[in-house]
Amino acid sequence: MQQDWKGVGRYGTVGLEFAASVLLGLFLGQWADKKFGTHGIFTLVGLAYGFAAGARFVWRALKSANREAEAQEEADREARKKFNEHGNGKH
């Protein structure tokens, strides 16, 4: 049960970090448009970079979660194997 909450803490912020990446790119793009007098070019570029950064973060979090799940499945398989080898827990 404690491990479940650890996962929520670790991966519960994925959406927030994705949104923060997009907003940061958007705001930096708007700032650059005002500074250089362009009309939305940097806003679009910043928004695209924000989406890319957010998507990359989500992808890396997903890969990490999959690795952890595979490791847990392997540990569970080993535990079941040991349990069955020892006569269902009886010696």
PDB file of N, CA and C in Angstrom:
ATOM      1  N   MET A   1       0.824  -1.197   0.000  1.00  0.00           N
ATOM      2  CA  MET A   1       0.000   0.000   0.000  1.00  0.00           C
ATOM      3  C   MET A   1       0.868   1.261   0.000  1.00  0.00           C
ATOM      4  N   GLN A   2       1.925   1.245   0.802  1.00  0.00           N
ATOM      5  CA  GLN A   2       2.805   2.412   0.870  1.00  0.00           C
ATOM      6  C   GLN A   2       3.470   2.669  -0.485  1.00  0.00           C
ATOM      7  N   GLN A   3       3.782   1.605  -1.205  1.00  0.00           N
ATOM      8  CA  GLN A   3       4.410   1.744  -2.514  1.00  0.00           C
ATOM      9  C   GLN A   3       3.449   2.415  -3.495  1.00  0.00           C
ATOM     10  N   ASP A   4       2.143   2.148  -3.374  1.00  0.00           N
ATOM     11  CA  ASP A   4       1.153   2.790  -4.236  1.00  0.00           C
ATOM     12  C   ASP A   4       1.163   4.298  -4.046  1.00  0.00           C
ATOM     13  N   TRP A   5       1.251   4.746  -2.816  1.00  0.00           N
ATOM     14  CA  TRP A   5       1.270   6.189  -2.548  1.00  0.00           C
ATOM     15  C   TRP A   5       2.561   6.828  -3.049  1.00  0.00           C
ATOM     16  N   LYS A   6       3.660   6.073  -2.994  1.00  0.00           N
ATOM     17  CA  LYS A   6       4.925   6.592  -3.510  1.00  0.00           C
ATOM     18  C   LYS A   6       4.801   6.857  -5.006  1.00  0.00           C
ATOM     19  N   GLY A   7       4.143   5.966  -5.722  1.00  0.00           N
ATOM     20  CA  GLY A   7       3.922   6.142  -7.149  1.00  0.00           C
ATOM     21  C   GLY A   7       3.051   7.345  -7.443  1.00  0.00           C
ATOM     22  N   VAL A   8       2.042   7.573  -6.623  1.00  0.00           N
ATOM     23  CA  VAL A   8       1.169   8.737  -6.808  1.00  0.00           C
ATOM     24  C   VAL A   8       1.977  10.014  -6.625  1.00  0.00           C
ATOM     25  N   GLY A   9       2.844  10.026  -5.645  1.00  0.00           N
ATOM     26  CA  GLY A   9       3.672  11.206  -5.426  1.00  0.00           C
ATOM     27  C   GLY A   9       4.647  11.452  -6.556  1.00  0.00           C
ATOM     28  N   ARG A  10       5.211  10.379  -7.071  1.00  0.00           N
ATOM     29  CA  ARG A  10       6.213  10.493  -8.125  1.00  0.00           C
ATOM     30  C   ARG A  10       5.580  10.871  -9.463  1.00  0.00           C
ATOM     31  N   TYR A  11       4.443  10.279  -9.789  1.00  0.00           N
ATOM     32  CA  TYR A  11       3.852  10.488 -11.111  1.00  0.00           C
ATOM     33  C   TYR A  11       2.611  11.367 -11.081  1.00  0.00           C
ATOM     34  N   GLY A  12       2.193  11.782  -9.912  1.00  0.00           N
ATOM     35  CA  GLY A  12       1.004  12.616  -9.802  1.00  0.00           C
ATOM     36  C   GLY A  12       1.202  14.027 -10.326  1.00  0.00           C
ATOM     37  N   THR A  13       2.427  14.437 -10.517  1.00  0.00           N
ATOM     38  CA  THR A  13       2.708  15.794 -10.983  1.00  0.00           C
ATOM     39  C   THR A  13       2.974  15.868 -12.476  1.00  0.00           C
ATOM     40  N   VAL A  14       2.811  14.755 -13.191  1.00  0.00           N
ATOM     41  CA  VAL A  14       3.120  14.732 -14.627  1.00  0.00           C
ATOM     42  C   VAL A  14       2.271  15.763 -15.370  1.00  0.00           C
ATOM     43  N   GLY A  15       0.986  15.796 -15.110  1.00  0.00           N
ATOM     44  CA  GLY A  15       0.110  16.756 -15.780  1.00  0.00           C
ATOM     45  C   GLY A  15       0.481  18.189 -15.455  1.00  0.00           C
ATOM     46  N   LEU A  16       0.816  18.433 -14.205  1.00  0.00           N
ATOM     47  CA  LEU A  16       1.206  19.779 -13.788  1.00  0.00           C
ATOM     48  C   LEU A  16       2.493  20.211 -14.493  1.00  0.00           C
ATOM     49  N   GLU A  17       3.443  19.321 -14.582  1.00  0.00           N
ATOM     50  CA  GLU A  17       4.703  19.672 -15.242  1.00  0.00           C
ATOM     51  C   GLU A  17       4.520  19.841 -16.746  1.00  0.00           C
ATOM     52  N   PHE A  18       3.619  19.067 -17.347  1.00  0.00           N
ATOM     53  CA  PHE A  18       3.320  19.260 -18.763  1.00  0.00           C
ATOM     54  C   PHE A  18       2.726  20.647 -18.982  1.00  0.00           C
ATOM     55  N   ALA A  19       1.741  21.000 -18.168  1.00  0.00           N
ATOM     56  CA  ALA A  19       1.101  22.315 -18.292  1.00  0.00           C
ATOM     57  C   ALA A  19       2.102  23.436 -18.044  1.00  0.00           C
ATOM     58  N   ALA A  20       2.980  23.264 -17.069  1.00  0.00           N
ATOM     59  CA  ALA A  20       3.979  24.291 -16.780  1.00  0.00           C
ATOM     60  C   ALA A  20       4.932  24.473 -17.962  1.00  0.00           C
ATOM     61  N   SER A  21       5.309  23.386 -18.620  1.00  0.00           N
ATOM     62  CA  SER A  21       6.188  23.481 -19.792  1.00  0.00           C
ATOM     63  C   SER A  21       5.514  24.266 -20.912  1.00  0.00           C
ATOM     64  N   VAL A  22       4.258  23.958 -21.167  1.00  0.00           N
ATOM     65  CA  VAL A  22       3.521  24.639 -22.232  1.00  0.00           C
ATOM     66  C   VAL A  22       3.366  26.122 -21.902  1.00  0.00           C
ATOM     67  N   LEU A  23       2.988  26.426 -20.674  1.00  0.00           N
ATOM     68  CA  LEU A  23       2.794  27.824 -20.289  1.00  0.00           C
ATOM     69  C   LEU A  23       4.103  28.605 -20.315  1.00  0.00           C
ATOM     70  N   LEU A  24       5.176  27.990 -19.879  1.00  0.00           N
ATOM     71  CA  LEU A  24       6.471  28.673 -19.913  1.00  0.00           C
ATOM     72  C   LEU A  24       6.866  28.995 -21.355  1.00  0.00           C
ATOM     73  N   GLY A  25       6.709  28.031 -22.245  1.00  0.00           N
ATOM     74  CA  GLY A  25       7.007  28.283 -23.649  1.00  0.00           C
ATOM     75  C   GLY A  25       6.130  29.384 -24.226  1.00  0.00           C
ATOM     76  N   LEU A  26       4.857  29.366 -23.874  1.00  0.00           N
ATOM     77  CA  LEU A  26       3.920  30.384 -24.345  1.00  0.00           C
ATOM     78  C   LEU A  26       4.321  31.776 -23.849  1.00  0.00           C
ATOM     79  N   PHE A  27       4.590  31.886 -22.565  1.00  0.00           N
ATOM     80  CA  PHE A  27       4.942  33.196 -22.002  1.00  0.00           C
ATOM     81  C   PHE A  27       6.282  33.718 -22.525  1.00  0.00           C
ATOM     82  N   LEU A  28       7.250  32.824 -22.679  1.00  0.00           N
ATOM     83  CA  LEU A  28       8.534  33.261 -23.239  1.00  0.00           C
ATOM     84  C   LEU A  28       8.366  33.712 -24.689  1.00  0.00           C
ATOM     85  N   GLY A  29       7.544  33.015 -25.432  1.00  0.00           N
ATOM     86  CA  GLY A  29       7.275  33.411 -26.807  1.00  0.00           C
ATOM     87  C   GLY A  29       6.583  34.762 -26.887  1.00  0.00           C
ATOM     88  N   GLN A  30       5.606  34.989 -26.004  1.00  0.00           N
ATOM     89  CA  GLN A  30       4.916  36.285 -25.982  1.00  0.00           C
ATOM     90  C   GLN A  30       5.882  37.402 -25.600  1.00  0.00           C
ATOM     91  N   TRP A  31       6.744  37.130 -24.637  1.00  0.00           N
ATOM     92  CA  TRP A  31       7.733  38.127 -24.228  1.00  0.00           C
ATOM     93  C   TRP A  31       8.642  38.483 -25.407  1.00  0.00           C
ATOM     94  N   ALA A  32       9.118  37.460 -26.132  1.00  0.00           N
ATOM     95  CA  ALA A  32       9.994  37.698 -27.276  1.00  0.00           C
ATOM     96  C   ALA A  32       9.260  38.468 -28.382  1.00  0.00           C
ATOM     97  N   ASP A  33       7.990  38.168 -28.601  1.00  0.00           N
ATOM     98  CA  ASP A  33       7.214  38.906 -29.601  1.00  0.00           C
ATOM     99  C   ASP A  33       7.126  40.388 -29.240  1.00  0.00           C
ATOM    100  N   LYS A  34       6.895  40.682 -27.974  1.00  0.00           N
ATOM    101  CA  LYS A  34       6.818  42.091 -27.550  1.00  0.00           C
ATOM    102  C   LYS A  34       8.177  42.777 -27.671  1.00  0.00           C
ATOM    103  N   LYS A  35       9.227  42.054 -27.288  1.00  0.00           N
ATOM    104  CA  LYS A  35      10.564  42.640 -27.311  1.00  0.00           C
ATOM    105  C   LYS A  35      11.041  42.933 -28.736  1.00  0.00           C
ATOM    106  N   PHE A  36      10.773  42.031 -29.655  1.00  0.00           N
ATOM    107  CA  PHE A  36      11.277  42.178 -31.012  1.00  0.00           C
ATOM    108  C   PHE A  36      10.238  42.708 -32.000  1.00  0.00           C
ATOM    109  N   GLY A  37       9.037  42.955 -31.533  1.00  0.00           N
ATOM    110  CA  GLY A  37       7.997  43.529 -32.379  1.00  0.00           C
ATOM    111  C   GLY A  37       7.441  42.584 -33.430  1.00  0.00           C
ATOM    112  N   THR A  38       7.624  41.307 -33.223  1.00  0.00           N
ATOM    113  CA  THR A  38       7.047  40.328 -34.147  1.00  0.00           C
ATOM    114  C   THR A  38       5.598  40.084 -33.757  1.00  0.00           C
ATOM    115  N   HIS A  39       4.840  39.509 -34.641  1.00  0.00           N
ATOM    116  CA  HIS A  39       3.402  39.365 -34.403  1.00  0.00           C
ATOM    117  C   HIS A  39       3.013  37.898 -34.289  1.00  0.00           C
ATOM    118  N   GLY A  40       3.411  37.277 -33.201  1.00  0.00           N
ATOM    119  CA  GLY A  40       2.975  35.917 -32.925  1.00  0.00           C
ATOM    120  C   GLY A  40       3.934  34.815 -33.336  1.00  0.00           C
ATOM    121  N   ILE A  41       4.994  35.144 -34.040  1.00  0.00           N
ATOM    122  CA  ILE A  41       5.930  34.106 -34.490  1.00  0.00           C
ATOM    123  C   ILE A  41       6.586  33.419 -33.297  1.00  0.00           C
ATOM    124  N   PHE A  42       7.150  34.205 -32.397  1.00  0.00           N
ATOM    125  CA  PHE A  42       7.820  33.620 -31.235  1.00  0.00           C
ATOM    126  C   PHE A  42       6.833  32.949 -30.285  1.00  0.00           C
ATOM    127  N   THR A  43       5.613  33.444 -30.254  1.00  0.00           N
ATOM    128  CA  THR A  43       4.595  32.804 -29.426  1.00  0.00           C
ATOM    129  C   THR A  43       4.340  31.388 -29.923  1.00  0.00           C
ATOM    130  N   LEU A  44       4.216  31.231 -31.229  1.00  0.00           N
ATOM    131  CA  LEU A  44       3.994  29.893 -31.792  1.00  0.00           C
ATOM    132  C   LEU A  44       5.208  28.995 -31.585  1.00  0.00           C
ATOM    133  N   VAL A  45       6.386  29.546 -31.776  1.00  0.00           N
ATOM    134  CA  VAL A  45       7.610  28.760 -31.573  1.00  0.00           C
ATOM    135  C   VAL A  45       7.729  28.352 -30.100  1.00  0.00           C
ATOM    136  N   GLY A  46       7.496  29.291 -29.197  1.00  0.00           N
ATOM    137  CA  GLY A  46       7.561  28.979 -27.765  1.00  0.00           C
ATOM    138  C   GLY A  46       6.526  27.949 -27.359  1.00  0.00           C
ATOM    139  N   LEU A  47       5.335  28.067 -27.927  1.00  0.00           N
ATOM    140  CA  LEU A  47       4.275  27.106 -27.629  1.00  0.00           C
ATOM    141  C   LEU A  47       4.669  25.713 -28.131  1.00  0.00           C
ATOM    142  N   ALA A  48       5.240  25.655 -29.330  1.00  0.00           N
ATOM    143  CA  ALA A  48       5.677  24.366 -29.875  1.00  0.00           C
ATOM    144  C   ALA A  48       6.781  23.749 -29.013  1.00  0.00           C
ATOM    145  N   TYR A  49       7.745  24.570 -28.599  1.00  0.00           N
ATOM    146  CA  TYR A  49       8.808  24.054 -27.729  1.00  0.00           C
ATOM    147  C   TYR A  49       8.235  23.617 -26.374  1.00  0.00           C
ATOM    148  N   GLY A  50       7.272  24.353 -25.874  1.00  0.00           N
ATOM    149  CA  GLY A  50       6.637  23.967 -24.608  1.00  0.00           C
ATOM    150  C   GLY A  50       5.937  22.624 -24.714  1.00  0.00           C
ATOM    151  N   PHE A  51       5.194  22.422 -25.803  1.00  0.00           N
ATOM    152  CA  PHE A  51       4.540  21.130 -26.017  1.00  0.00           C
ATOM    153  C   PHE A  51       5.573  20.012 -26.147  1.00  0.00           C
ATOM    154  N   ALA A  52       6.635  20.276 -26.889  1.00  0.00           N
ATOM    155  CA  ALA A  52       7.673  19.258 -27.064  1.00  0.00           C
ATOM    156  C   ALA A  52       8.331  18.904 -25.732  1.00  0.00           C
ATOM    157  N   ALA A  53       8.639  19.911 -24.931  1.00  0.00           N
ATOM    158  CA  ALA A  53       9.264  19.658 -23.627  1.00  0.00           C
ATOM    159  C   ALA A  53       8.303  18.896 -22.712  1.00  0.00           C
ATOM    160  N   GLY A  54       7.039  19.284 -22.722  1.00  0.00           N
ATOM    161  CA  GLY A  54       6.051  18.588 -21.902  1.00  0.00           C
ATOM    162  C   GLY A  54       5.860  17.151 -22.343  1.00  0.00           C
ATOM    163  N   ALA A  55       5.790  16.930 -23.655  1.00  0.00           N
ATOM    164  CA  ALA A  55       5.626  15.575 -24.182  1.00  0.00           C
ATOM    165  C   ALA A  55       6.833  14.712 -23.844  1.00  0.00           C
ATOM    166  N   ARG A  56       8.017  15.307 -23.915  1.00  0.00           N
ATOM    167  CA  ARG A  56       9.228  14.563 -23.563  1.00  0.00           C
ATOM    168  C   ARG A  56       9.200  14.163 -22.096  1.00  0.00           C
ATOM    169  N   PHE A  57       8.758  15.052 -21.238  1.00  0.00           N
ATOM    170  CA  PHE A  57       8.669  14.731 -19.820  1.00  0.00           C
ATOM    171  C   PHE A  57       7.678  13.595 -19.575  1.00  0.00           C
ATOM    172  N   VAL A  58       6.520  13.671 -20.219  1.00  0.00           N
ATOM    173  CA  VAL A  58       5.509  12.621 -20.065  1.00  0.00           C
ATOM    174  C   VAL A  58       6.064  11.293 -20.569  1.00  0.00           C
ATOM    175  N   TRP A  59       6.744  11.292 -21.711  1.00  0.00           N
ATOM    176  CA  TRP A  59       7.322  10.077 -22.272  1.00  0.00           C
ATOM    177  C   TRP A  59       8.337   9.450 -21.315  1.00  0.00           C
ATOM    178  N   ARG A  60       9.197  10.282 -20.745  1.00  0.00           N
ATOM    179  CA  ARG A  60      10.206   9.760 -19.810  1.00  0.00           C
ATOM    180  C   ARG A  60       9.557   9.212 -18.541  1.00  0.00           C
ATOM    181  N   ALA A  61       8.519   9.881 -18.041  1.00  0.00           N
ATOM    182  CA  ALA A  61       7.817   9.386 -16.853  1.00  0.00           C
ATOM    183  C   ALA A  61       7.124   8.061 -17.160  1.00  0.00           C
ATOM    184  N   LEU A  62       6.555   7.935 -18.351  1.00  0.00           N
ATOM    185  CA  LEU A  62       5.895   6.696 -18.745  1.00  0.00           C
ATOM    186  C   LEU A  62       6.897   5.550 -18.848  1.00  0.00           C
ATOM    187  N   LYS A  63       8.046   5.817 -19.456  1.00  0.00           N
ATOM    188  CA  LYS A  63       9.086   4.786 -19.554  1.00  0.00           C
ATOM    189  C   LYS A  63       9.558   4.356 -18.169  1.00  0.00           C
ATOM    190  N   SER A  64       9.724   5.309 -17.273  1.00  0.00           N
ATOM    191  CA  SER A  64      10.159   4.998 -15.909  1.00  0.00           C
ATOM    192  C   SER A  64       9.111   4.155 -15.180  1.00  0.00           C
ATOM    193  N   ALA A  65       7.848   4.520 -15.334  1.00  0.00           N
ATOM    194  CA  ALA A  65       6.773   3.763 -14.691  1.00  0.00           C
ATOM    195  C   ALA A  65       6.712   2.343 -15.234  1.00  0.00           C
ATOM    196  N   ASN A  66       6.909   2.185 -16.532  1.00  0.00           N
ATOM    197  CA  ASN A  66       6.902   0.846 -17.128  1.00  0.00           C
ATOM    198  C   ASN A  66       8.060   0.002 -16.612  1.00  0.00           C
ATOM    199  N   ARG A  67       9.240   0.599 -16.487  1.00  0.00           N
ATOM    200  CA  ARG A  67      10.387  -0.137 -15.945  1.00  0.00           C
ATOM    201  C   ARG A  67      10.112  -0.599 -14.519  1.00  0.00           C
ATOM    202  N   GLU A  68       9.527   0.293 -13.723  1.00  0.00           N
ATOM    203  CA  GLU A  68       9.216  -0.073 -12.334  1.00  0.00           C
ATOM    204  C   GLU A  68       8.177  -1.178 -12.272  1.00  0.00           C
ATOM    205  N   ALA A  69       7.162  -1.106 -13.140  1.00  0.00           N
ATOM    206  CA  ALA A  69       6.126  -2.138 -13.160  1.00  0.00           C
ATOM    207  C   ALA A  69       6.703  -3.482 -13.583  1.00  0.00           C
ATOM    208  N   GLU A  70       7.585  -3.485 -14.578  1.00  0.00           N
ATOM    209  CA  GLU A  70       8.225  -4.730 -15.008  1.00  0.00           C
ATOM    210  C   GLU A  70       9.085  -5.321 -13.910  1.00  0.00           C
ATOM    211  N   ALA A  71       9.812  -4.480 -13.195  1.00  0.00           N
ATOM    212  CA  ALA A  71      10.641  -4.963 -12.096  1.00  0.00           C
ATOM    213  C   ALA A  71       9.768  -5.556 -10.989  1.00  0.00           C
ATOM    214  N   GLN A  72       8.645  -4.925 -10.699  1.00  0.00           N
ATOM    215  CA  GLN A  72       7.742  -5.437  -9.675  1.00  0.00           C
ATOM    216  C   GLN A  72       7.125  -6.766 -10.108  1.00  0.00           C
ATOM    217  N   GLU A  73       6.754  -6.884 -11.383  1.00  0.00           N
ATOM    218  CA  GLU A  73       6.214  -8.145 -11.887  1.00  0.00           C
ATOM    219  C   GLU A  73       7.239  -9.262 -11.781  1.00  0.00           C
ATOM    220  N   GLU A  74       8.479  -8.962 -12.092  1.00  0.00           N
ATOM    221  CA  GLU A  74       9.543  -9.959 -11.993  1.00  0.00           C
ATOM    222  C   GLU A  74       9.735 -10.392 -10.541  1.00  0.00           C
ATOM    223  N   ALA A  75       9.704  -9.443  -9.631  1.00  0.00           N
ATOM    224  CA  ALA A  75       9.841  -9.772  -8.208  1.00  0.00           C
ATOM    225  C   ALA A  75       8.668 -10.631  -7.743  1.00  0.00           C
ATOM    226  N   ASP A  76       7.474 -10.315  -8.206  1.00  0.00           N
ATOM    227  CA  ASP A  76       6.294 -11.113  -7.850  1.00  0.00           C
ATOM    228  C   ASP A  76       6.404 -12.537  -8.399  1.00  0.00           C
ATOM    229  N   ARG A  77       6.892 -12.670  -9.652  1.00  0.00           N
ATOM    230  CA  ARG A  77       7.078 -13.996 -10.252  1.00  0.00           C
ATOM    231  C   ARG A  77       8.069 -14.827  -9.448  1.00  0.00           C
ATOM    232  N   GLU A  78       9.172 -14.186  -9.051  1.00  0.00           N
ATOM    233  CA  GLU A  78      10.180 -14.893  -8.254  1.00  0.00           C
ATOM    234  C   GLU A  78       9.616 -15.328  -6.907  1.00  0.00           C
ATOM    235  N   ALA A  79       8.831 -14.458  -6.288  1.00  0.00           N
ATOM    236  CA  ALA A  79       8.236 -14.811  -4.992  1.00  0.00           C
ATOM    237  C   ALA A  79       7.266 -15.978  -5.139  1.00  0.00           C
ATOM    238  N   ARG A  80       6.450 -15.979  -6.204  1.00  0.00           N
ATOM    239  CA  ARG A  80       5.525 -17.098  -6.430  1.00  0.00           C
ATOM    240  C   ARG A  80       6.289 -18.388  -6.701  1.00  0.00           C
ATOM    241  N   LYS A  81       7.375 -18.280  -7.454  1.00  0.00           N
ATOM    242  CA  LYS A  81       8.184 -19.449  -7.778  1.00  0.00           C
ATOM    243  C   LYS A  81       8.772 -20.056  -6.503  1.00  0.00           C
ATOM    244  N   LYS A  82       9.318 -19.206  -5.635  1.00  0.00           N
ATOM    245  CA  LYS A  82       9.887 -19.696  -4.369  1.00  0.00           C
ATOM    246  C   LYS A  82       8.803 -20.328  -3.503  1.00  0.00           C
ATOM    247  N   PHE A  83       7.656 -19.695  -3.468  1.00  0.00           N
ATOM    248  CA  PHE A  83       6.537 -20.201  -2.672  1.00  0.00           C
ATOM    249  C   PHE A  83       6.138 -21.581  -3.166  1.00  0.00           C
ATOM    250  N   ASN A  84       6.019 -21.744  -4.471  1.00  0.00           N
ATOM    251  CA  ASN A  84       5.607 -23.031  -5.036  1.00  0.00           C
ATOM    252  C   ASN A  84       6.681 -24.093  -4.900  1.00  0.00           C
ATOM    253  N   GLU A  85       7.954 -23.729  -4.966  1.00  0.00           N
ATOM    254  CA  GLU A  85       9.043 -24.682  -4.815  1.00  0.00           C
ATOM    255  C   GLU A  85       9.126 -25.248  -3.417  1.00  0.00           C
ATOM    256  N   HIS A  86       8.683 -24.490  -2.435  1.00  0.00           N
ATOM    257  CA  HIS A  86       8.760 -24.928  -1.042  1.00  0.00           C
ATOM    258  C   HIS A  86       7.446 -25.539  -0.577  1.00  0.00           C
ATOM    259  N   GLY A  87       6.707 -26.109  -1.476  1.00  0.00           N
ATOM    260  CA  GLY A  87       5.483 -26.823  -1.087  1.00  0.00           C
ATOM    261  C   GLY A  87       4.407 -25.892  -0.586  1.00  0.00           C
ATOM    262  N   ASN A  88       4.175 -24.815  -1.297  1.00  0.00           N
ATOM    263  CA  ASN A  88       3.135 -23.857  -0.935  1.00  0.00           C
ATOM    264  C   ASN A  88       3.339 -23.283   0.458  1.00  0.00           C
ATOM    265  N   GLY A  89       4.584 -23.043   0.774  1.00  0.00           N
ATOM    266  CA  GLY A  89       4.895 -22.398   2.031  1.00  0.00           C
ATOM    267  C   GLY A  89       5.076 -23.358   3.175  1.00  0.00           C
ATOM    268  N   LYS A  90       4.915 -24.665   2.950  1.00  0.00           N
ATOM    269  CA  LYS A  90       5.068 -25.657   4.027  1.00  0.00           C
ATOM    270  C   LYS A  90       6.412 -26.345   3.868  1.00  0.00           C
ATOM    271  N   HIS A  91       7.115 -26.567   4.935  1.00  0.00           N
ATOM    272  CA  HIS A  91       8.423 -27.227   4.891  1.00  0.00           C
ATOM    273  C   HIS A  91       8.302 -28.614   5.398  1.00  0.00           C
TER     274      HIS A  91
END
